[in-house]
N, C-alpha and C. Protein backbone atom coordinates (compact mmCIF):
# COMPACT_ATOMS: atom_id res chain seq x y z
N UNK A 1 21.53 -11.55 -9.95
CA UNK A 1 20.26 -12.25 -10.07
C UNK A 1 19.25 -11.34 -10.77
N UNK A 2 18.54 -11.86 -11.72
CA UNK A 2 17.53 -11.11 -12.46
C UNK A 2 16.17 -11.35 -11.80
N UNK A 3 15.49 -10.26 -11.53
CA UNK A 3 14.15 -10.39 -10.94
C UNK A 3 13.16 -10.79 -12.03
N UNK A 4 12.30 -11.70 -11.68
CA UNK A 4 11.27 -12.15 -12.61
C UNK A 4 9.92 -11.63 -12.13
N UNK A 5 9.03 -11.33 -13.05
CA UNK A 5 7.68 -10.92 -12.63
C UNK A 5 7.02 -12.02 -11.81
N UNK A 6 6.24 -11.61 -10.83
CA UNK A 6 5.56 -12.54 -9.94
C UNK A 6 4.06 -12.30 -10.05
N UNK A 7 3.30 -13.37 -10.17
CA UNK A 7 1.84 -13.27 -10.19
C UNK A 7 1.27 -13.96 -8.96
N UNK A 8 0.35 -13.27 -8.31
CA UNK A 8 -0.32 -13.82 -7.13
C UNK A 8 -1.82 -13.76 -7.40
N UNK A 9 -2.50 -14.86 -7.15
CA UNK A 9 -3.96 -14.87 -7.27
C UNK A 9 -4.54 -14.85 -5.87
N UNK A 10 -5.39 -13.88 -5.61
CA UNK A 10 -6.07 -13.79 -4.33
C UNK A 10 -7.44 -14.43 -4.46
N UNK A 11 -7.76 -15.31 -3.53
CA UNK A 11 -9.08 -15.94 -3.49
C UNK A 11 -9.72 -15.55 -2.17
N UNK A 12 -10.83 -14.83 -2.25
CA UNK A 12 -11.46 -14.31 -1.06
C UNK A 12 -12.94 -14.65 -1.04
N UNK A 13 -13.51 -14.59 0.16
CA UNK A 13 -14.93 -14.86 0.33
C UNK A 13 -15.57 -13.73 1.13
N UNK A 14 -16.68 -13.22 0.64
CA UNK A 14 -17.37 -12.11 1.29
C UNK A 14 -18.27 -12.61 2.41
N UNK A 15 -18.39 -11.79 3.44
CA UNK A 15 -19.29 -12.12 4.54
C UNK A 15 -20.74 -11.89 4.15
N UNK A 16 -20.98 -10.97 3.22
CA UNK A 16 -22.36 -10.68 2.82
C UNK A 16 -22.41 -10.24 1.37
N UNK A 17 -23.59 -10.36 0.78
CA UNK A 17 -23.79 -9.98 -0.61
C UNK A 17 -23.60 -8.47 -0.77
N UNK A 18 -23.05 -8.07 -1.90
CA UNK A 18 -22.94 -6.65 -2.19
C UNK A 18 -22.98 -6.42 -3.69
N UNK A 19 -23.27 -5.20 -4.05
CA UNK A 19 -23.35 -4.80 -5.45
C UNK A 19 -21.97 -4.40 -5.93
N UNK A 20 -21.57 -4.94 -7.08
CA UNK A 20 -20.30 -4.58 -7.70
C UNK A 20 -20.60 -3.89 -9.03
N UNK A 21 -19.77 -2.92 -9.40
CA UNK A 21 -20.01 -2.21 -10.66
C UNK A 21 -19.69 -3.08 -11.87
N UNK A 22 -20.06 -2.61 -13.04
CA UNK A 22 -19.77 -3.35 -14.27
C UNK A 22 -18.27 -3.49 -14.49
N UNK A 23 -17.50 -2.44 -14.24
CA UNK A 23 -16.04 -2.51 -14.36
C UNK A 23 -15.44 -2.53 -12.96
N UNK A 24 -14.65 -3.55 -12.66
CA UNK A 24 -14.13 -3.73 -11.31
C UNK A 24 -12.62 -3.52 -11.19
N UNK A 25 -11.99 -3.06 -12.24
CA UNK A 25 -10.54 -2.85 -12.19
C UNK A 25 -10.11 -1.86 -11.13
N UNK A 26 -10.87 -0.77 -10.98
CA UNK A 26 -10.55 0.22 -9.95
C UNK A 26 -10.69 -0.35 -8.55
N UNK A 27 -11.70 -1.21 -8.35
CA UNK A 27 -11.86 -1.87 -7.05
C UNK A 27 -10.68 -2.79 -6.76
N UNK A 28 -10.24 -3.52 -7.77
CA UNK A 28 -9.11 -4.43 -7.59
C UNK A 28 -7.85 -3.66 -7.17
N UNK A 29 -7.61 -2.53 -7.83
CA UNK A 29 -6.45 -1.71 -7.47
C UNK A 29 -6.60 -1.17 -6.06
N UNK A 30 -7.81 -0.75 -5.70
CA UNK A 30 -8.05 -0.26 -4.34
C UNK A 30 -7.82 -1.32 -3.28
N UNK A 31 -8.24 -2.56 -3.57
CA UNK A 31 -8.00 -3.67 -2.64
C UNK A 31 -6.50 -3.86 -2.45
N UNK A 32 -5.77 -3.91 -3.56
CA UNK A 32 -4.32 -4.10 -3.48
C UNK A 32 -3.68 -3.02 -2.62
N UNK A 33 -3.98 -1.77 -2.89
CA UNK A 33 -3.36 -0.67 -2.15
C UNK A 33 -3.79 -0.67 -0.69
N UNK A 34 -5.03 -1.03 -0.41
CA UNK A 34 -5.52 -1.13 0.97
C UNK A 34 -4.72 -2.16 1.76
N UNK A 35 -4.52 -3.33 1.16
CA UNK A 35 -3.79 -4.40 1.84
C UNK A 35 -2.31 -4.03 1.98
N UNK A 36 -1.71 -3.47 0.94
CA UNK A 36 -0.30 -3.09 1.01
C UNK A 36 -0.03 -2.02 2.06
N UNK A 37 -1.02 -1.20 2.35
CA UNK A 37 -0.86 -0.16 3.37
C UNK A 37 -0.50 -0.76 4.72
N UNK A 38 -0.88 -2.02 4.96
CA UNK A 38 -0.53 -2.69 6.22
C UNK A 38 0.98 -2.89 6.36
N UNK A 39 1.66 -3.07 5.23
CA UNK A 39 3.11 -3.25 5.25
C UNK A 39 3.82 -1.92 5.46
N UNK A 40 3.12 -0.86 5.30
CA UNK A 40 3.68 0.48 5.45
C UNK A 40 3.04 1.40 4.44
N UNK A 41 2.57 2.54 4.89
CA UNK A 41 1.86 3.45 3.98
C UNK A 41 2.74 3.97 2.84
N UNK A 42 4.05 3.99 3.03
CA UNK A 42 4.93 4.52 1.98
C UNK A 42 4.89 3.66 0.72
N UNK A 43 4.81 2.35 0.84
CA UNK A 43 4.74 1.49 -0.35
C UNK A 43 3.43 1.72 -1.09
N UNK A 44 2.33 1.75 -0.36
CA UNK A 44 1.03 1.98 -0.97
C UNK A 44 1.01 3.34 -1.68
N UNK A 45 1.56 4.36 -1.04
CA UNK A 45 1.62 5.69 -1.65
C UNK A 45 2.49 5.70 -2.90
N UNK A 46 3.63 5.02 -2.83
CA UNK A 46 4.54 4.97 -3.98
C UNK A 46 3.86 4.31 -5.19
N UNK A 47 3.16 3.21 -4.94
CA UNK A 47 2.50 2.50 -6.03
C UNK A 47 1.25 3.23 -6.54
N UNK A 48 0.78 4.20 -5.78
CA UNK A 48 -0.42 4.96 -6.16
C UNK A 48 -0.07 6.29 -6.83
N UNK A 49 1.19 6.62 -6.92
CA UNK A 49 1.60 7.91 -7.51
C UNK A 49 1.01 8.08 -8.90
N UNK A 50 0.47 9.27 -9.18
CA UNK A 50 -0.08 9.52 -10.51
C UNK A 50 1.01 9.78 -11.55
N UNK A 51 0.70 9.50 -12.78
CA UNK A 51 1.55 9.84 -13.93
C UNK A 51 2.93 9.20 -13.92
N UNK A 52 3.05 8.02 -13.33
CA UNK A 52 4.30 7.25 -13.40
C UNK A 52 3.96 5.82 -13.77
N UNK A 53 4.91 5.13 -14.38
CA UNK A 53 4.69 3.71 -14.70
C UNK A 53 4.56 2.92 -13.42
N UNK A 54 3.64 2.01 -13.44
CA UNK A 54 3.39 1.19 -12.26
C UNK A 54 4.22 -0.10 -12.33
N UNK A 55 4.71 -0.52 -11.17
CA UNK A 55 5.49 -1.75 -11.08
C UNK A 55 4.58 -2.94 -10.79
N UNK A 56 3.30 -2.79 -11.10
CA UNK A 56 2.33 -3.86 -10.86
C UNK A 56 1.18 -3.72 -11.84
N UNK A 57 0.39 -4.78 -11.95
CA UNK A 57 -0.88 -4.72 -12.67
C UNK A 57 -1.88 -5.59 -11.92
N UNK A 58 -3.14 -5.28 -12.08
CA UNK A 58 -4.20 -6.08 -11.47
C UNK A 58 -5.22 -6.43 -12.54
N UNK A 59 -5.88 -7.54 -12.34
CA UNK A 59 -6.99 -7.91 -13.21
C UNK A 59 -8.27 -7.37 -12.60
N UNK A 60 -9.30 -7.22 -13.40
CA UNK A 60 -10.62 -6.96 -12.79
C UNK A 60 -10.98 -8.13 -11.88
N UNK A 61 -11.96 -7.95 -11.04
CA UNK A 61 -12.39 -9.00 -10.12
C UNK A 61 -13.14 -10.09 -10.88
N UNK A 62 -12.87 -11.34 -10.53
CA UNK A 62 -13.58 -12.49 -11.07
C UNK A 62 -14.53 -12.97 -9.98
N UNK A 63 -15.81 -13.13 -10.31
CA UNK A 63 -16.78 -13.56 -9.31
C UNK A 63 -18.02 -14.10 -9.99
N UNK A 64 -18.85 -14.78 -9.20
CA UNK A 64 -20.13 -15.27 -9.69
C UNK A 64 -21.20 -14.31 -9.17
N UNK A 65 -22.14 -14.02 -10.04
CA UNK A 65 -23.20 -13.08 -9.71
C UNK A 65 -24.51 -13.80 -9.44
N UNK A 66 -25.26 -13.30 -8.46
CA UNK A 66 -26.61 -13.85 -8.22
C UNK A 66 -27.64 -13.12 -9.05
N UNK A 67 -27.24 -11.99 -9.62
CA UNK A 67 -28.18 -11.24 -10.45
C UNK A 67 -27.50 -10.04 -11.10
N UNK A 68 -27.92 -9.75 -12.31
CA UNK A 68 -27.38 -8.61 -13.03
C UNK A 68 -28.29 -7.40 -12.84
N UNK A 69 -27.66 -6.27 -12.65
CA UNK A 69 -28.37 -5.00 -12.54
C UNK A 69 -27.99 -4.14 -13.73
N UNK A 70 -28.70 -3.07 -13.98
CA UNK A 70 -28.36 -2.25 -15.14
C UNK A 70 -26.99 -1.59 -14.97
N UNK A 71 -26.55 -1.38 -13.72
CA UNK A 71 -25.26 -0.73 -13.50
C UNK A 71 -24.28 -1.59 -12.70
N UNK A 72 -24.50 -2.90 -12.67
CA UNK A 72 -23.59 -3.76 -11.94
C UNK A 72 -24.10 -5.18 -11.77
N UNK A 73 -23.56 -5.83 -10.75
CA UNK A 73 -23.87 -7.23 -10.45
C UNK A 73 -23.99 -7.41 -8.94
N UNK A 74 -24.74 -8.42 -8.53
CA UNK A 74 -24.80 -8.79 -7.12
C UNK A 74 -23.85 -9.97 -6.90
N UNK A 75 -22.94 -9.82 -5.98
CA UNK A 75 -21.93 -10.84 -5.70
C UNK A 75 -22.57 -12.03 -4.99
N UNK A 76 -22.30 -13.22 -5.48
CA UNK A 76 -22.74 -14.46 -4.85
C UNK A 76 -21.69 -14.86 -3.82
N UNK A 77 -22.05 -14.82 -2.55
CA UNK A 77 -21.08 -15.07 -1.47
C UNK A 77 -20.73 -16.56 -1.30
N UNK A 78 -21.44 -17.44 -2.00
CA UNK A 78 -21.11 -18.86 -1.87
C UNK A 78 -19.94 -19.25 -2.78
N UNK A 79 -19.51 -18.33 -3.63
CA UNK A 79 -18.37 -18.55 -4.52
C UNK A 79 -17.28 -17.53 -4.22
N UNK A 80 -16.04 -17.86 -4.54
CA UNK A 80 -14.96 -16.91 -4.24
C UNK A 80 -14.96 -15.71 -5.18
N UNK A 81 -14.42 -14.63 -4.68
CA UNK A 81 -14.10 -13.47 -5.50
C UNK A 81 -12.59 -13.55 -5.68
N UNK A 82 -12.14 -13.49 -6.92
CA UNK A 82 -10.70 -13.64 -7.21
C UNK A 82 -10.18 -12.43 -7.96
N UNK A 83 -8.89 -12.20 -7.79
CA UNK A 83 -8.18 -11.21 -8.59
C UNK A 83 -6.72 -11.64 -8.68
N UNK A 84 -6.08 -11.22 -9.73
CA UNK A 84 -4.65 -11.52 -9.90
C UNK A 84 -3.87 -10.22 -9.89
N UNK A 85 -2.71 -10.30 -9.23
CA UNK A 85 -1.80 -9.16 -9.15
C UNK A 85 -0.47 -9.61 -9.71
N UNK A 86 0.11 -8.80 -10.55
CA UNK A 86 1.44 -9.08 -11.09
C UNK A 86 2.38 -7.97 -10.67
N UNK A 87 3.54 -8.36 -10.13
CA UNK A 87 4.55 -7.41 -9.69
C UNK A 87 5.81 -7.59 -10.53
N UNK A 88 6.48 -6.50 -10.82
CA UNK A 88 7.77 -6.57 -11.51
C UNK A 88 8.91 -6.78 -10.52
N UNK A 89 8.65 -6.55 -9.24
CA UNK A 89 9.68 -6.70 -8.23
C UNK A 89 9.21 -7.67 -7.14
N UNK A 90 10.07 -8.64 -6.82
CA UNK A 90 9.75 -9.63 -5.80
C UNK A 90 9.39 -8.98 -4.46
N UNK A 91 10.08 -7.90 -4.12
CA UNK A 91 9.87 -7.28 -2.80
C UNK A 91 8.43 -6.79 -2.64
N UNK A 92 7.81 -6.35 -3.73
CA UNK A 92 6.41 -5.92 -3.63
C UNK A 92 5.50 -7.12 -3.40
N UNK A 93 5.78 -8.22 -4.07
CA UNK A 93 5.01 -9.45 -3.86
C UNK A 93 5.16 -9.93 -2.42
N UNK A 94 6.37 -9.87 -1.90
CA UNK A 94 6.61 -10.28 -0.50
C UNK A 94 5.82 -9.38 0.45
N UNK A 95 5.78 -8.09 0.16
CA UNK A 95 5.03 -7.16 1.01
C UNK A 95 3.55 -7.51 1.03
N UNK A 96 2.99 -7.87 -0.12
CA UNK A 96 1.59 -8.25 -0.18
C UNK A 96 1.33 -9.51 0.65
N UNK A 97 2.16 -10.51 0.48
CA UNK A 97 1.96 -11.77 1.21
C UNK A 97 2.15 -11.57 2.71
N UNK A 98 3.13 -10.77 3.09
CA UNK A 98 3.34 -10.50 4.52
C UNK A 98 2.18 -9.72 5.11
N UNK A 99 1.57 -8.85 4.33
CA UNK A 99 0.43 -8.08 4.82
C UNK A 99 -0.73 -8.99 5.19
N UNK A 100 -0.85 -10.12 4.54
CA UNK A 100 -1.91 -11.07 4.84
C UNK A 100 -1.56 -12.02 5.98
N UNK A 101 -0.30 -12.04 6.43
CA UNK A 101 0.10 -12.97 7.49
C UNK A 101 -0.67 -12.74 8.79
N UNK A 102 -0.78 -11.50 9.21
CA UNK A 102 -1.45 -11.22 10.47
C UNK A 102 -2.95 -11.05 10.34
N UNK A 103 -3.39 -10.55 9.20
CA UNK A 103 -4.81 -10.25 9.01
C UNK A 103 -5.17 -10.57 7.56
N UNK A 104 -5.86 -11.66 7.35
CA UNK A 104 -6.18 -12.09 5.99
C UNK A 104 -7.55 -11.58 5.56
N UNK A 105 -7.87 -10.34 5.94
CA UNK A 105 -9.15 -9.75 5.55
C UNK A 105 -8.93 -8.39 4.91
N UNK A 106 -9.95 -7.93 4.21
CA UNK A 106 -10.00 -6.55 3.74
C UNK A 106 -11.47 -6.16 3.60
N UNK A 107 -11.71 -4.88 3.58
CA UNK A 107 -13.08 -4.37 3.45
C UNK A 107 -13.31 -3.85 2.05
N UNK A 108 -14.50 -4.11 1.54
CA UNK A 108 -14.92 -3.59 0.24
C UNK A 108 -16.37 -3.16 0.39
N UNK A 109 -16.60 -1.87 0.26
CA UNK A 109 -17.92 -1.28 0.51
C UNK A 109 -18.37 -1.71 1.90
N UNK A 110 -19.50 -2.35 2.01
CA UNK A 110 -20.02 -2.71 3.33
C UNK A 110 -19.77 -4.16 3.71
N UNK A 111 -18.85 -4.83 3.06
CA UNK A 111 -18.59 -6.24 3.35
C UNK A 111 -17.13 -6.48 3.68
N UNK A 112 -16.89 -7.44 4.55
CA UNK A 112 -15.54 -7.90 4.88
C UNK A 112 -15.27 -9.15 4.05
N UNK A 113 -14.07 -9.22 3.48
CA UNK A 113 -13.65 -10.38 2.70
C UNK A 113 -12.52 -11.10 3.43
N UNK A 114 -12.57 -12.41 3.40
CA UNK A 114 -11.55 -13.24 4.03
C UNK A 114 -10.75 -13.95 2.95
N UNK A 115 -9.43 -13.82 3.03
CA UNK A 115 -8.56 -14.46 2.07
C UNK A 115 -8.19 -15.84 2.58
N UNK A 116 -8.14 -16.80 1.68
CA UNK A 116 -7.75 -18.17 2.05
C UNK A 116 -6.53 -18.58 1.24
N UNK A 117 -5.48 -18.99 1.97
CA UNK A 117 -4.28 -19.52 1.33
C UNK A 117 -4.42 -21.03 1.25
N UNK A 118 -4.04 -21.60 0.13
CA UNK A 118 -4.10 -23.05 -0.03
C UNK A 118 -2.82 -23.71 0.46
N UNK A 119 -1.74 -22.95 0.51
CA UNK A 119 -0.46 -23.44 1.02
C UNK A 119 0.32 -22.23 1.48
N UNK A 120 1.53 -22.44 1.98
CA UNK A 120 2.35 -21.33 2.45
C UNK A 120 2.76 -20.48 1.25
N UNK A 121 2.21 -19.27 1.11
CA UNK A 121 2.48 -18.46 -0.07
C UNK A 121 3.90 -17.91 -0.12
N UNK A 122 4.54 -17.79 1.03
CA UNK A 122 5.90 -17.24 1.04
C UNK A 122 6.94 -18.29 0.66
N UNK A 123 6.60 -19.57 0.79
CA UNK A 123 7.54 -20.64 0.50
C UNK A 123 8.07 -20.57 -0.92
N UNK A 124 7.19 -20.39 -1.87
CA UNK A 124 7.59 -20.35 -3.28
C UNK A 124 8.48 -19.14 -3.56
N UNK A 125 8.13 -17.98 -2.99
CA UNK A 125 8.97 -16.80 -3.21
C UNK A 125 10.32 -16.93 -2.53
N UNK A 126 10.36 -17.54 -1.35
CA UNK A 126 11.66 -17.75 -0.68
C UNK A 126 12.54 -18.67 -1.53
N UNK A 127 11.95 -19.70 -2.07
CA UNK A 127 12.69 -20.65 -2.89
C UNK A 127 13.21 -19.97 -4.16
N UNK A 128 12.41 -19.11 -4.76
CA UNK A 128 12.80 -18.41 -5.99
C UNK A 128 13.90 -17.41 -5.76
N UNK A 129 13.98 -16.85 -4.54
CA UNK A 129 14.99 -15.81 -4.29
C UNK A 129 16.33 -16.37 -3.85
N UNK A 130 16.44 -17.69 -3.68
CA UNK A 130 17.70 -18.31 -3.24
C UNK A 130 18.63 -18.50 -4.42
């Protein structure tokens, strides 16, 4: 069986407004590694290793701003904050989804974000791996 790249879009909502920088790619990677640490610190550490090709990619954060600042934006909490993660290996995607099974939250600066699934996210991956 040939593994196919998997893309997961995370849709989250912040508990409170916060300032985000102009470039959010580093925050997106930090969120991913923070959540993956729940599945086991070894996976998060492996994906964070310096100077090696990564088996994943992340997009910068997508969000609506209530105001622009000279060095960033204010996050509008009435709209979702989204990011996409692409994995080259199904097992990493499964680890991310399983990490959200027990606790669908993560922290970013001084705000807690809640992830919302629209359907069973593991169903599609289980079907693809059969």
